[in-house]
């Protein structure tokens, strides 16, 4: 029977995490939660009697960014190369003290999980490689704090854990249907599964940057089952871009990261100095990316909607068009600024 590690990387979001854990019962054998930065109000001691840390270890607070940007260079290692019994690498701390009541740490302990703090990176993705290294099991259930599985998906995951779901050949991951949320209700999602929620970490490659997703090396199976995504705002459309502070942060951390190499980011089984095609095109041809996103982007989205059966929402199409062009524009501006200052 496959064992599953539920891995969640977050910043605050305690209420969402509690909702997720309530709805993910029977879905995992191990819980790993990594907090982006030191949790407010938590005072963790640096006494290491029971936990082993790497030589030259720095605390999460010491390596935290003061402003959004590329992750600290100290995290730029391939965590898949670390033996599972290695000391905890620099920048991360296992919270082994008694948790403060009402904290995320307290919630994780109540659910039998391990709670880590990492450097503040203003994004969750740089923490995934460390979180996957810390997980005991190869199968990773990758859920965000503001998501939770539908009852049907939860039942499927339970049957998968029990060995009641058989596939030939063995897949390396599974996709679910990701719902859209207008702030009050879910909209009809169609039947296109595109959210990688469960995968074998020994068969993926990844570098830790906002909006980057794991690359799967073999068969991925789409499931017509819902993964609910219900943040405290609309999860799509123009308001999701322009009324959301985090969007501006993501553009900056992506642009700053693209100035360098993927080898300067936290990684998992990723050793190439070249960016993957999507990011390489933004980096090498930002003007072209802006033009194509604004001109052909809507046509591509409409075509994909017809092919996949996903409902067409003009607000979503416009947001996708502007999002892609704004990422390239932010990178272009930052590159010019760095060139002038060098």
C-alpha atoms as a PDB file:
ATOM      1  CA  UNK A   1       0.000   0.000   0.000  1.00  0.00           C
ATOM      2  CA  UNK A   2       1.472   3.406  -0.944  1.00  0.00           C
ATOM      3  CA  UNK A   3       2.263   5.725   1.949  1.00  0.00           C
ATOM      4  CA  UNK A   4       1.467   9.426   1.439  1.00  0.00           C
ATOM      5  CA  UNK A   5       3.028  12.570   2.936  1.00  0.00           C
ATOM      6  CA  UNK A   6       0.736  15.593   2.987  1.00  0.00           C
ATOM      7  CA  UNK A   7       2.976  18.637   2.491  1.00  0.00           C
ATOM      8  CA  UNK A   8       1.680  22.178   3.037  1.00  0.00           C
ATOM      9  CA  UNK A   9       3.807  25.333   2.775  1.00  0.00           C
ATOM     10  CA  UNK A  10       2.101  28.506   3.929  1.00  0.00           C
ATOM     11  CA  UNK A  11       2.330  31.949   5.475  1.00  0.00           C
ATOM     12  CA  UNK A  12      -0.112  32.348   8.382  1.00  0.00           C
ATOM     13  CA  UNK A  13      -3.463  30.941   7.045  1.00  0.00           C
ATOM     14  CA  UNK A  14      -4.231  28.971  10.200  1.00  0.00           C
ATOM     15  CA  UNK A  15      -7.999  28.888   9.624  1.00  0.00           C
ATOM     16  CA  UNK A  16      -7.548  27.614   6.085  1.00  0.00           C
ATOM     17  CA  UNK A  17      -5.113  24.942   7.245  1.00  0.00           C
ATOM     18  CA  UNK A  18      -7.593  23.728   9.847  1.00  0.00           C
ATOM     19  CA  UNK A  19     -10.312  23.473   7.188  1.00  0.00           C
ATOM     20  CA  UNK A  20      -7.941  21.538   4.943  1.00  0.00           C
ATOM     21  CA  UNK A  21      -6.974  19.082   7.673  1.00  0.00           C
ATOM     22  CA  UNK A  22     -10.602  18.502   8.615  1.00  0.00           C
ATOM     23  CA  UNK A  23     -11.421  17.665   4.995  1.00  0.00           C
ATOM     24  CA  UNK A  24      -8.274  15.634   4.291  1.00  0.00           C
ATOM     25  CA  UNK A  25      -8.781  13.001   6.974  1.00  0.00           C
ATOM     26  CA  UNK A  26      -7.754   9.502   5.809  1.00  0.00           C
ATOM     27  CA  UNK A  27      -5.773  11.077   2.936  1.00  0.00           C
ATOM     28  CA  UNK A  28      -2.243  10.844   4.346  1.00  0.00           C
ATOM     29  CA  UNK A  29       0.137   8.920   6.564  1.00  0.00           C
ATOM     30  CA  UNK A  30       2.326  11.870   7.508  1.00  0.00           C
ATOM     31  CA  UNK A  31       1.826  15.641   7.793  1.00  0.00           C
ATOM     32  CA  UNK A  32       4.593  18.161   7.017  1.00  0.00           C
ATOM     33  CA  UNK A  33       3.923  21.904   7.348  1.00  0.00           C
ATOM     34  CA  UNK A  34       6.558  24.527   6.506  1.00  0.00           C
ATOM     35  CA  UNK A  35       5.931  28.133   7.480  1.00  0.00           C
ATOM     36  CA  UNK A  36       7.374  30.933   5.332  1.00  0.00           C
ATOM     37  CA  UNK A  37       9.294  32.797   8.028  1.00  0.00           C
ATOM     38  CA  UNK A  38       9.036  32.636  11.802  1.00  0.00           C
ATOM     39  CA  UNK A  39       5.439  32.315  12.960  1.00  0.00           C
ATOM     40  CA  UNK A  40       4.234  35.430  14.800  1.00  0.00           C
ATOM     41  CA  UNK A  41       4.389  35.043  18.549  1.00  0.00           C
ATOM     42  CA  UNK A  42       6.382  31.819  18.461  1.00  0.00           C
ATOM     43  CA  UNK A  43       9.671  31.894  20.356  1.00  0.00           C
ATOM     44  CA  UNK A  44      11.604  28.808  19.382  1.00  0.00           C
ATOM     45  CA  UNK A  45      14.723  27.992  21.338  1.00  0.00           C
ATOM     46  CA  UNK A  46      17.948  27.219  19.531  1.00  0.00           C
ATOM     47  CA  UNK A  47      18.759  24.347  21.871  1.00  0.00           C
ATOM     48  CA  UNK A  48      19.607  21.381  19.697  1.00  0.00           C
ATOM     49  CA  UNK A  49      19.676  18.493  22.163  1.00  0.00           C
ATOM     50  CA  UNK A  50      17.203  16.399  20.169  1.00  0.00           C
ATOM     51  CA  UNK A  51      17.558  17.818  16.633  1.00  0.00           C
ATOM     52  CA  UNK A  52      20.681  17.732  14.480  1.00  0.00           C
ATOM     53  CA  UNK A  53      21.450  20.738  12.279  1.00  0.00           C
ATOM     54  CA  UNK A  54      23.961  21.103   9.465  1.00  0.00           C
ATOM     55  CA  UNK A  55      27.367  22.643  10.106  1.00  0.00           C
ATOM     56  CA  UNK A  56      27.247  26.415   9.609  1.00  0.00           C
ATOM     57  CA  UNK A  57      23.496  26.385  10.131  1.00  0.00           C
ATOM     58  CA  UNK A  58      21.641  29.727  10.040  1.00  0.00           C
ATOM     59  CA  UNK A  59      18.265  30.291  11.637  1.00  0.00           C
ATOM     60  CA  UNK A  60      15.140  31.117   9.572  1.00  0.00           C
ATOM     61  CA  UNK A  61      15.209  34.655  10.918  1.00  0.00           C
ATOM     62  CA  UNK A  62      18.833  35.185   9.873  1.00  0.00           C
ATOM     63  CA  UNK A  63      18.146  34.178   6.263  1.00  0.00           C
ATOM     64  CA  UNK A  64      14.730  35.832   5.877  1.00  0.00           C
ATOM     65  CA  UNK A  65      14.321  38.402   3.104  1.00  0.00           C
ATOM     66  CA  UNK A  66      13.365  41.915   4.152  1.00  0.00           C
ATOM     67  CA  UNK A  67      11.771  42.617   0.750  1.00  0.00           C
ATOM     68  CA  UNK A  68      10.415  40.348  -2.014  1.00  0.00           C
ATOM     69  CA  UNK A  69      13.147  38.925  -4.209  1.00  0.00           C
ATOM     70  CA  UNK A  70      14.921  35.730  -5.202  1.00  0.00           C
ATOM     71  CA  UNK A  71      15.264  33.190  -2.371  1.00  0.00           C
ATOM     72  CA  UNK A  72      18.370  33.400  -0.142  1.00  0.00           C
ATOM     73  CA  UNK A  73      21.394  31.933  -1.930  1.00  0.00           C
ATOM     74  CA  UNK A  74      22.025  29.642   1.050  1.00  0.00           C
ATOM     75  CA  UNK A  75      18.939  27.655   0.025  1.00  0.00           C
ATOM     76  CA  UNK A  76      20.224  27.062  -3.522  1.00  0.00           C
ATOM     77  CA  UNK A  77      20.914  23.340  -3.236  1.00  0.00           C
ATOM     78  CA  UNK A  78      19.390  20.210  -4.711  1.00  0.00           C
ATOM     79  CA  UNK A  79      17.603  18.767  -1.700  1.00  0.00           C
ATOM     80  CA  UNK A  80      17.098  15.434  -3.467  1.00  0.00           C
ATOM     81  CA  UNK A  81      20.849  14.835  -3.148  1.00  0.00           C
ATOM     82  CA  UNK A  82      20.741  15.051   0.660  1.00  0.00           C
ATOM     83  CA  UNK A  83      20.531  11.686   2.423  1.00  0.00           C
ATOM     84  CA  UNK A  84      17.271  11.278   4.301  1.00  0.00           C
ATOM     85  CA  UNK A  85      19.134  11.079   7.621  1.00  0.00           C
ATOM     86  CA  UNK A  86      21.155  14.265   7.035  1.00  0.00           C
ATOM     87  CA  UNK A  87      21.070  17.044   9.622  1.00  0.00           C
ATOM     88  CA  UNK A  88      18.446  19.686   8.946  1.00  0.00           C
ATOM     89  CA  UNK A  89      19.926  22.058   6.332  1.00  0.00           C
ATOM     90  CA  UNK A  90      20.585  25.714   6.929  1.00  0.00           C
ATOM     91  CA  UNK A  91      17.646  28.101   7.118  1.00  0.00           C
ATOM     92  CA  UNK A  92      15.124  25.566   8.427  1.00  0.00           C
ATOM     93  CA  UNK A  93      14.168  24.720  11.967  1.00  0.00           C
ATOM     94  CA  UNK A  94      12.008  21.954  13.367  1.00  0.00           C
ATOM     95  CA  UNK A  95       9.733  23.465  15.978  1.00  0.00           C
ATOM     96  CA  UNK A  96      10.228  21.009  18.827  1.00  0.00           C
ATOM     97  CA  UNK A  97       9.272  23.261  21.773  1.00  0.00           C
ATOM     98  CA  UNK A  98       5.818  23.333  23.332  1.00  0.00           C
ATOM     99  CA  UNK A  99       3.569  25.202  20.877  1.00  0.00           C
ATOM    100  CA  UNK A 100       1.843  28.432  21.720  1.00  0.00           C
ATOM    101  CA  UNK A 101      -1.935  27.810  22.057  1.00  0.00           C
ATOM    102  CA  UNK A 102      -3.817  28.939  18.971  1.00  0.00           C
ATOM    103  CA  UNK A 103      -0.738  28.921  16.746  1.00  0.00           C
ATOM    104  CA  UNK A 104      -0.268  27.033  13.482  1.00  0.00           C
ATOM    105  CA  UNK A 105       2.401  25.036  15.297  1.00  0.00           C
ATOM    106  CA  UNK A 106      -0.201  24.028  17.877  1.00  0.00           C
ATOM    107  CA  UNK A 107      -2.659  22.986  15.156  1.00  0.00           C
ATOM    108  CA  UNK A 108      -0.056  20.874  13.359  1.00  0.00           C
ATOM    109  CA  UNK A 109       0.954  19.122  16.579  1.00  0.00           C
ATOM    110  CA  UNK A 110      -2.695  18.333  17.334  1.00  0.00           C
ATOM    111  CA  UNK A 111      -2.910  16.593  13.963  1.00  0.00           C
ATOM    112  CA  UNK A 112       0.278  14.638  14.644  1.00  0.00           C
ATOM    113  CA  UNK A 113       2.418  16.519  12.140  1.00  0.00           C
ATOM    114  CA  UNK A 114       5.846  18.146  12.068  1.00  0.00           C
ATOM    115  CA  UNK A 115       6.050  21.935  11.892  1.00  0.00           C
ATOM    116  CA  UNK A 116       9.076  23.643  10.360  1.00  0.00           C
ATOM    117  CA  UNK A 117       9.954  27.290  10.002  1.00  0.00           C
ATOM    118  CA  UNK A 118      11.941  28.500   6.999  1.00  0.00           C
ATOM    119  CA  UNK A 119      13.294  31.859   5.870  1.00  0.00           C
ATOM    120  CA  UNK A 120      10.704  34.417   4.788  1.00  0.00           C
ATOM    121  CA  UNK A 121      10.705  34.206   0.980  1.00  0.00           C
ATOM    122  CA  UNK A 122       7.333  35.867   0.235  1.00  0.00           C
ATOM    123  CA  UNK A 123       6.317  32.708  -1.662  1.00  0.00           C
ATOM    124  CA  UNK A 124       5.789  29.057  -0.794  1.00  0.00           C
ATOM    125  CA  UNK A 125       7.477  27.386  -3.756  1.00  0.00           C
ATOM    126  CA  UNK A 126      11.120  27.753  -2.593  1.00  0.00           C
ATOM    127  CA  UNK A 127      10.201  25.665   0.464  1.00  0.00           C
ATOM    128  CA  UNK A 128       8.867  22.684  -1.475  1.00  0.00           C
ATOM    129  CA  UNK A 129      12.270  21.019  -2.109  1.00  0.00           C
ATOM    130  CA  UNK A 130      13.093  21.103   1.606  1.00  0.00           C
ATOM    131  CA  UNK A 131       9.595  19.886   2.505  1.00  0.00           C
ATOM    132  CA  UNK A 132       9.854  16.966   0.085  1.00  0.00           C
ATOM    133  CA  UNK A 133      13.265  16.056   1.521  1.00  0.00           C
ATOM    134  CA  UNK A 134      11.823  16.062   5.039  1.00  0.00           C
ATOM    135  CA  UNK A 135       8.926  13.815   3.976  1.00  0.00           C
ATOM    136  CA  UNK A 136       9.423  10.131   4.742  1.00  0.00           C
ATOM    137  CA  UNK A 137       7.386   8.866   1.811  1.00  0.00           C
ATOM    138  CA  UNK A 138       7.753   9.187  -1.952  1.00  0.00           C
ATOM    139  CA  UNK A 139       4.112   9.986  -2.645  1.00  0.00           C
ATOM    140  CA  UNK A 140       3.518  13.691  -1.992  1.00  0.00           C
ATOM    141  CA  UNK A 141       0.017  15.100  -1.556  1.00  0.00           C
ATOM    142  CA  UNK A 142       0.604  18.725  -2.590  1.00  0.00           C
ATOM    143  CA  UNK A 143      -2.212  20.930  -1.340  1.00  0.00           C
ATOM    144  CA  UNK A 144      -2.311  24.642  -0.588  1.00  0.00           C
ATOM    145  CA  UNK A 145      -3.780  25.825   2.693  1.00  0.00           C
ATOM    146  CA  UNK A 146      -6.789  27.405   0.928  1.00  0.00           C
ATOM    147  CA  UNK A 147      -7.638  24.162  -0.893  1.00  0.00           C
ATOM    148  CA  UNK A 148      -9.319  20.964   0.226  1.00  0.00           C
ATOM    149  CA  UNK A 149     -10.420  17.769  -1.522  1.00  0.00           C
ATOM    150  CA  UNK A 150     -14.020  17.102  -2.427  1.00  0.00           C
ATOM    151  CA  UNK A 151     -15.650  14.137  -0.743  1.00  0.00           C
ATOM    152  CA  UNK A 152     -15.217  12.089  -3.923  1.00  0.00           C
ATOM    153  CA  UNK A 153     -11.531  13.013  -4.211  1.00  0.00           C
ATOM    154  CA  UNK A 154     -10.951  12.278  -0.523  1.00  0.00           C
ATOM    155  CA  UNK A 155     -12.486   8.833  -0.954  1.00  0.00           C
ATOM    156  CA  UNK A 156     -10.332   8.183  -4.016  1.00  0.00           C
ATOM    157  CA  UNK A 157      -7.138   9.145  -2.147  1.00  0.00           C
ATOM    158  CA  UNK A 158      -8.114   6.835   0.714  1.00  0.00           C
ATOM    159  CA  UNK A 159      -8.632   3.938  -1.708  1.00  0.00           C
ATOM    160  CA  UNK A 160      -5.285   4.734  -3.370  1.00  0.00           C
ATOM    161  CA  UNK A 161      -3.581   4.575   0.034  1.00  0.00           C
ATOM    162  CA  UNK A 162      -5.232   1.248   0.723  1.00  0.00           C
ATOM    163  CA  UNK A 163      -3.959  -0.149  -2.566  1.00  0.00           C
ATOM    164  CA  UNK A 164      -7.453  -0.433  -4.030  1.00  0.00           C
ATOM    165  CA  UNK A 165      -6.667   1.694  -7.088  1.00  0.00           C
ATOM    166  CA  UNK A 166      -4.515  -0.186  -9.618  1.00  0.00           C
ATOM    167  CA  UNK A 167      -2.853   1.205 -12.737  1.00  0.00           C
ATOM    168  CA  UNK A 168      -0.697  -0.290 -15.464  1.00  0.00           C
ATOM    169  CA  UNK A 169       1.866   1.036 -16.058  1.00  0.00           C
ATOM    170  CA  UNK A 170       2.348   2.669 -12.685  1.00  0.00           C
ATOM    171  CA  UNK A 171       1.797   6.436 -12.948  1.00  0.00           C
ATOM    172  CA  UNK A 172       4.054   9.109 -11.485  1.00  0.00           C
ATOM    173  CA  UNK A 173       1.256  11.526 -10.645  1.00  0.00           C
ATOM    174  CA  UNK A 174      -2.418  12.447 -10.763  1.00  0.00           C
ATOM    175  CA  UNK A 175      -4.319  15.551 -11.862  1.00  0.00           C
ATOM    176  CA  UNK A 176      -7.567  16.857 -10.418  1.00  0.00           C
ATOM    177  CA  UNK A 177     -10.111  19.423 -11.592  1.00  0.00           C
ATOM    178  CA  UNK A 178      -9.337  22.755  -9.934  1.00  0.00           C
ATOM    179  CA  UNK A 179     -12.466  24.733  -9.098  1.00  0.00           C
ATOM    180  CA  UNK A 180     -12.950  28.471  -9.584  1.00  0.00           C
ATOM    181  CA  UNK A 181     -14.292  30.572  -6.710  1.00  0.00           C
ATOM    182  CA  UNK A 182     -15.923  33.997  -7.164  1.00  0.00           C
ATOM    183  CA  UNK A 183     -15.571  34.877  -3.479  1.00  0.00           C
ATOM    184  CA  UNK A 184     -18.981  33.485  -2.505  1.00  0.00           C
ATOM    185  CA  UNK A 185     -19.593  30.353  -4.565  1.00  0.00           C
ATOM    186  CA  UNK A 186     -17.907  27.896  -6.894  1.00  0.00           C
ATOM    187  CA  UNK A 187     -18.544  28.233 -10.602  1.00  0.00           C
ATOM    188  CA  UNK A 188     -19.103  25.233 -12.904  1.00  0.00           C
ATOM    189  CA  UNK A 189     -15.557  23.930 -13.461  1.00  0.00           C
ATOM    190  CA  UNK A 190     -15.922  21.804 -16.590  1.00  0.00           C
ATOM    191  CA  UNK A 191     -14.179  18.429 -16.693  1.00  0.00           C
ATOM    192  CA  UNK A 192     -10.587  19.423 -17.520  1.00  0.00           C
ATOM    193  CA  UNK A 193      -8.127  18.103 -14.918  1.00  0.00           C
ATOM    194  CA  UNK A 194      -4.957  20.218 -14.787  1.00  0.00           C
ATOM    195  CA  UNK A 195      -3.966  20.515 -11.116  1.00  0.00           C
ATOM    196  CA  UNK A 196      -1.122  18.170 -10.102  1.00  0.00           C
ATOM    197  CA  UNK A 197      -2.096  17.227  -6.568  1.00  0.00           C
ATOM    198  CA  UNK A 198      -0.405  13.845  -5.976  1.00  0.00           C
ATOM    199  CA  UNK A 199       2.931  12.641  -7.330  1.00  0.00           C
ATOM    200  CA  UNK A 200       5.927  10.407  -6.707  1.00  0.00           C
ATOM    201  CA  UNK A 201       8.772  12.721  -5.683  1.00  0.00           C
ATOM    202  CA  UNK A 202      11.372  10.317  -7.091  1.00  0.00           C
ATOM    203  CA  UNK A 203       9.989  10.978 -10.584  1.00  0.00           C
ATOM    204  CA  UNK A 204       9.755  14.794 -10.682  1.00  0.00           C
ATOM    205  CA  UNK A 205      12.151  17.677 -11.339  1.00  0.00           C
ATOM    206  CA  UNK A 206      11.636  21.125  -9.901  1.00  0.00           C
ATOM    207  CA  UNK A 207      13.168  24.506  -9.076  1.00  0.00           C
ATOM    208  CA  UNK A 208      11.577  26.658  -6.408  1.00  0.00           C
ATOM    209  CA  UNK A 209      10.050  29.800  -7.913  1.00  0.00           C
ATOM    210  CA  UNK A 210       6.533  31.221  -7.686  1.00  0.00           C
ATOM    211  CA  UNK A 211       4.152  29.823 -10.322  1.00  0.00           C
ATOM    212  CA  UNK A 212       6.582  27.069 -11.302  1.00  0.00           C
ATOM    213  CA  UNK A 213       5.184  23.542 -11.134  1.00  0.00           C
ATOM    214  CA  UNK A 214       6.897  20.138 -10.867  1.00  0.00           C
ATOM    215  CA  UNK A 215       7.950  18.482 -14.117  1.00  0.00           C
ATOM    216  CA  UNK A 216       6.713  14.895 -14.327  1.00  0.00           C
ATOM    217  CA  UNK A 217       8.976  12.325 -16.004  1.00  0.00           C
ATOM    218  CA  UNK A 218       6.409   9.654 -16.848  1.00  0.00           C
ATOM    219  CA  UNK A 219       2.678   8.958 -17.023  1.00  0.00           C
ATOM    220  CA  UNK A 220       0.267  11.361 -15.323  1.00  0.00           C
ATOM    221  CA  UNK A 221      -3.386  10.338 -14.970  1.00  0.00           C
ATOM    222  CA  UNK A 222      -6.194  12.962 -15.010  1.00  0.00           C
ATOM    223  CA  UNK A 223      -9.082  12.333 -12.634  1.00  0.00           C
ATOM    224  CA  UNK A 224     -12.518  13.866 -13.063  1.00  0.00           C
ATOM    225  CA  UNK A 225     -12.622  14.714  -9.370  1.00  0.00           C
ATOM    226  CA  UNK A 226     -12.736  18.152  -7.758  1.00  0.00           C
ATOM    227  CA  UNK A 227     -10.116  19.858  -5.669  1.00  0.00           C
ATOM    228  CA  UNK A 228     -11.847  22.827  -4.056  1.00  0.00           C
ATOM    229  CA  UNK A 229      -9.983  26.144  -4.064  1.00  0.00           C
ATOM    230  CA  UNK A 230     -11.722  28.656  -1.812  1.00  0.00           C
ATOM    231  CA  UNK A 231      -9.526  31.568  -0.713  1.00  0.00           C
ATOM    232  CA  UNK A 232     -10.953  34.671   0.979  1.00  0.00           C
ATOM    233  CA  UNK A 233     -11.210  36.418  -2.413  1.00  0.00           C
ATOM    234  CA  UNK A 234     -12.064  35.456  -6.002  1.00  0.00           C
ATOM    235  CA  UNK A 235      -9.597  32.825  -7.218  1.00  0.00           C
ATOM    236  CA  UNK A 236      -9.588  34.031 -10.835  1.00  0.00           C
ATOM    237  CA  UNK A 237     -10.189  37.051 -13.012  1.00  0.00           C
ATOM    238  CA  UNK A 238      -9.063  40.652 -12.997  1.00  0.00           C
ATOM    239  CA  UNK A 239      -9.756  41.270  -9.310  1.00  0.00           C
ATOM    240  CA  UNK A 240      -7.491  38.330  -8.491  1.00  0.00           C
ATOM    241  CA  UNK A 241      -4.671  40.262 -10.136  1.00  0.00           C
ATOM    242  CA  UNK A 242      -5.143  43.926  -9.390  1.00  0.00           C
ATOM    243  CA  UNK A 243      -6.822  43.814  -5.972  1.00  0.00           C
ATOM    244  CA  UNK A 244      -4.363  41.320  -4.551  1.00  0.00           C
ATOM    245  CA  UNK A 245      -1.131  42.444  -2.886  1.00  0.00           C
ATOM    246  CA  UNK A 246       0.461  39.017  -3.345  1.00  0.00           C
ATOM    247  CA  UNK A 247       0.268  39.339  -7.125  1.00  0.00           C
ATOM    248  CA  UNK A 248       2.692  42.253  -7.140  1.00  0.00           C
ATOM    249  CA  UNK A 249       5.026  40.299  -4.863  1.00  0.00           C
ATOM    250  CA  UNK A 250       4.969  37.267  -7.155  1.00  0.00           C
ATOM    251  CA  UNK A 251       5.853  39.348 -10.213  1.00  0.00           C
ATOM    252  CA  UNK A 252       8.860  40.767  -8.383  1.00  0.00           C
ATOM    253  CA  UNK A 253      10.172  37.458  -7.024  1.00  0.00           C
ATOM    254  CA  UNK A 254       9.781  35.824 -10.456  1.00  0.00           C
ATOM    255  CA  UNK A 255      11.532  38.683 -12.257  1.00  0.00           C
ATOM    256  CA  UNK A 256      14.358  38.763  -9.724  1.00  0.00           C
ATOM    257  CA  UNK A 257      14.839  35.008  -9.975  1.00  0.00           C
ATOM    258  CA  UNK A 258      14.891  35.099 -13.786  1.00  0.00           C
ATOM    259  CA  UNK A 259      17.863  37.470 -13.705  1.00  0.00           C
ATOM    260  CA  UNK A 260      19.953  34.530 -12.524  1.00  0.00           C
ATOM    261  CA  UNK A 261      20.008  30.792 -13.123  1.00  0.00           C
ATOM    262  CA  UNK A 262      17.711  28.032 -11.865  1.00  0.00           C
ATOM    263  CA  UNK A 263      20.809  26.676 -10.127  1.00  0.00           C
ATOM    264  CA  UNK A 264      20.600  29.705  -7.837  1.00  0.00           C
ATOM    265  CA  UNK A 265      17.229  28.485  -6.524  1.00  0.00           C
ATOM    266  CA  UNK A 266      16.216  25.672  -4.164  1.00  0.00           C
ATOM    267  CA  UNK A 267      15.821  22.558  -6.354  1.00  0.00           C
ATOM    268  CA  UNK A 268      14.627  18.972  -6.468  1.00  0.00           C
ATOM    269  CA  UNK A 269      16.383  16.643  -8.939  1.00  0.00           C
ATOM    270  CA  UNK A 270      17.080  19.646 -11.175  1.00  0.00           C
ATOM    271  CA  UNK A 271      20.667  20.132 -12.384  1.00  0.00           C
ATOM    272  CA  UNK A 272      20.258  22.063 -15.654  1.00  0.00           C
ATOM    273  CA  UNK A 273      21.577  25.604 -15.867  1.00  0.00           C
ATOM    274  CA  UNK A 274      18.954  26.379 -18.536  1.00  0.00           C
ATOM    275  CA  UNK A 275      15.461  27.557 -17.713  1.00  0.00           C
ATOM    276  CA  UNK A 276      12.537  25.462 -18.862  1.00  0.00           C
ATOM    277  CA  UNK A 277      10.974  26.654 -22.185  1.00  0.00           C
ATOM    278  CA  UNK A 278       8.194  28.802 -20.694  1.00  0.00           C
ATOM    279  CA  UNK A 279      10.505  30.752 -18.400  1.00  0.00           C
ATOM    280  CA  UNK A 280      13.334  30.850 -20.931  1.00  0.00           C
ATOM    281  CA  UNK A 281      11.071  32.547 -23.465  1.00  0.00           C
ATOM    282  CA  UNK A 282      10.064  35.249 -20.973  1.00  0.00           C
ATOM    283  CA  UNK A 283      13.717  35.765 -20.067  1.00  0.00           C
ATOM    284  CA  UNK A 284      15.111  35.816 -23.623  1.00  0.00           C
ATOM    285  CA  UNK A 285      12.215  37.440 -25.487  1.00  0.00           C
ATOM    286  CA  UNK A 286      10.230  39.657 -23.097  1.00  0.00           C
ATOM    287  CA  UNK A 287       9.037  42.034 -25.846  1.00  0.00           C
ATOM    288  CA  UNK A 288       7.774  39.134 -27.928  1.00  0.00           C
ATOM    289  CA  UNK A 289       6.102  37.587 -24.876  1.00  0.00           C
ATOM    290  CA  UNK A 290       4.251  40.818 -24.148  1.00  0.00           C
ATOM    291  CA  UNK A 291       3.071  41.151 -27.757  1.00  0.00           C
ATOM    292  CA  UNK A 292       1.984  37.517 -28.094  1.00  0.00           C
ATOM    293  CA  UNK A 293       0.191  37.531 -24.737  1.00  0.00           C
ATOM    294  CA  UNK A 294      -1.823  40.618 -25.629  1.00  0.00           C
ATOM    295  CA  UNK A 295      -2.580  39.608 -29.227  1.00  0.00           C
ATOM    296  CA  UNK A 296      -2.770  35.818 -29.430  1.00  0.00           C
ATOM    297  CA  UNK A 297      -3.222  34.947 -25.759  1.00  0.00           C
ATOM    298  CA  UNK A 298      -7.030  35.366 -25.736  1.00  0.00           C
ATOM    299  CA  UNK A 299      -7.384  33.280 -28.901  1.00  0.00           C
ATOM    300  CA  UNK A 300      -5.280  30.507 -27.363  1.00  0.00           C
ATOM    301  CA  UNK A 301      -7.347  30.532 -24.172  1.00  0.00           C
ATOM    302  CA  UNK A 302     -10.614  30.402 -26.117  1.00  0.00           C
ATOM    303  CA  UNK A 303      -9.307  27.509 -28.223  1.00  0.00           C
ATOM    304  CA  UNK A 304      -8.237  25.590 -25.110  1.00  0.00           C
ATOM    305  CA  UNK A 305     -11.639  26.188 -23.549  1.00  0.00           C
ATOM    306  CA  UNK A 306     -13.408  24.694 -26.555  1.00  0.00           C
ATOM    307  CA  UNK A 307     -11.046  21.684 -26.640  1.00  0.00           C
ATOM    308  CA  UNK A 308     -11.239  20.928 -22.917  1.00  0.00           C
ATOM    309  CA  UNK A 309     -14.895  21.797 -22.397  1.00  0.00           C
ATOM    310  CA  UNK A 310     -13.991  24.374 -19.751  1.00  0.00           C
ATOM    311  CA  UNK A 311     -16.555  27.199 -19.526  1.00  0.00           C
ATOM    312  CA  UNK A 312     -15.429  30.416 -21.212  1.00  0.00           C
ATOM    313  CA  UNK A 313     -15.312  33.415 -18.877  1.00  0.00           C
ATOM    314  CA  UNK A 314     -14.201  36.683 -20.442  1.00  0.00           C
ATOM    315  CA  UNK A 315     -12.956  37.976 -17.086  1.00  0.00           C
ATOM    316  CA  UNK A 316     -10.669  34.945 -16.824  1.00  0.00           C
ATOM    317  CA  UNK A 317      -9.414  35.269 -20.407  1.00  0.00           C
ATOM    318  CA  UNK A 318      -8.555  38.940 -19.877  1.00  0.00           C
ATOM    319  CA  UNK A 319      -6.760  38.166 -16.611  1.00  0.00           C
ATOM    320  CA  UNK A 320      -4.676  35.424 -18.229  1.00  0.00           C
ATOM    321  CA  UNK A 321      -3.681  37.740 -21.083  1.00  0.00           C
ATOM    322  CA  UNK A 322      -2.649  40.559 -18.759  1.00  0.00           C
ATOM    323  CA  UNK A 323      -0.944  38.251 -16.277  1.00  0.00           C
ATOM    324  CA  UNK A 324       1.445  36.776 -18.843  1.00  0.00           C
ATOM    325  CA  UNK A 325       2.277  40.156 -20.334  1.00  0.00           C
ATOM    326  CA  UNK A 326       2.757  41.787 -16.920  1.00  0.00           C
ATOM    327  CA  UNK A 327       5.223  39.085 -15.846  1.00  0.00           C
ATOM    328  CA  UNK A 328       7.333  39.732 -18.926  1.00  0.00           C
ATOM    329  CA  UNK A 329       7.050  43.525 -18.499  1.00  0.00           C
ATOM    330  CA  UNK A 330       8.117  43.354 -14.848  1.00  0.00           C
ATOM    331  CA  UNK A 331      11.148  41.260 -15.800  1.00  0.00           C
ATOM    332  CA  UNK A 332      12.034  43.637 -18.651  1.00  0.00           C
ATOM    333  CA  UNK A 333      11.899  46.689 -16.360  1.00  0.00           C
ATOM    334  CA  UNK A 334      13.996  44.998 -13.700  1.00  0.00           C
ATOM    335  CA  UNK A 335      16.584  43.863 -16.253  1.00  0.00           C
ATOM    336  CA  UNK A 336      16.903  47.396 -17.623  1.00  0.00           C
ATOM    337  CA  UNK A 337      17.193  48.803 -14.107  1.00  0.00           C
ATOM    338  CA  UNK A 338      19.926  46.330 -13.178  1.00  0.00           C
ATOM    339  CA  UNK A 339      21.750  47.077 -16.450  1.00  0.00           C
ATOM    340  CA  UNK A 340      21.804  50.801 -15.731  1.00  0.00           C
ATOM    341  CA  UNK A 341      23.099  50.252 -12.207  1.00  0.00           C
ATOM    342  CA  UNK A 342      25.823  47.768 -13.167  1.00  0.00           C
END
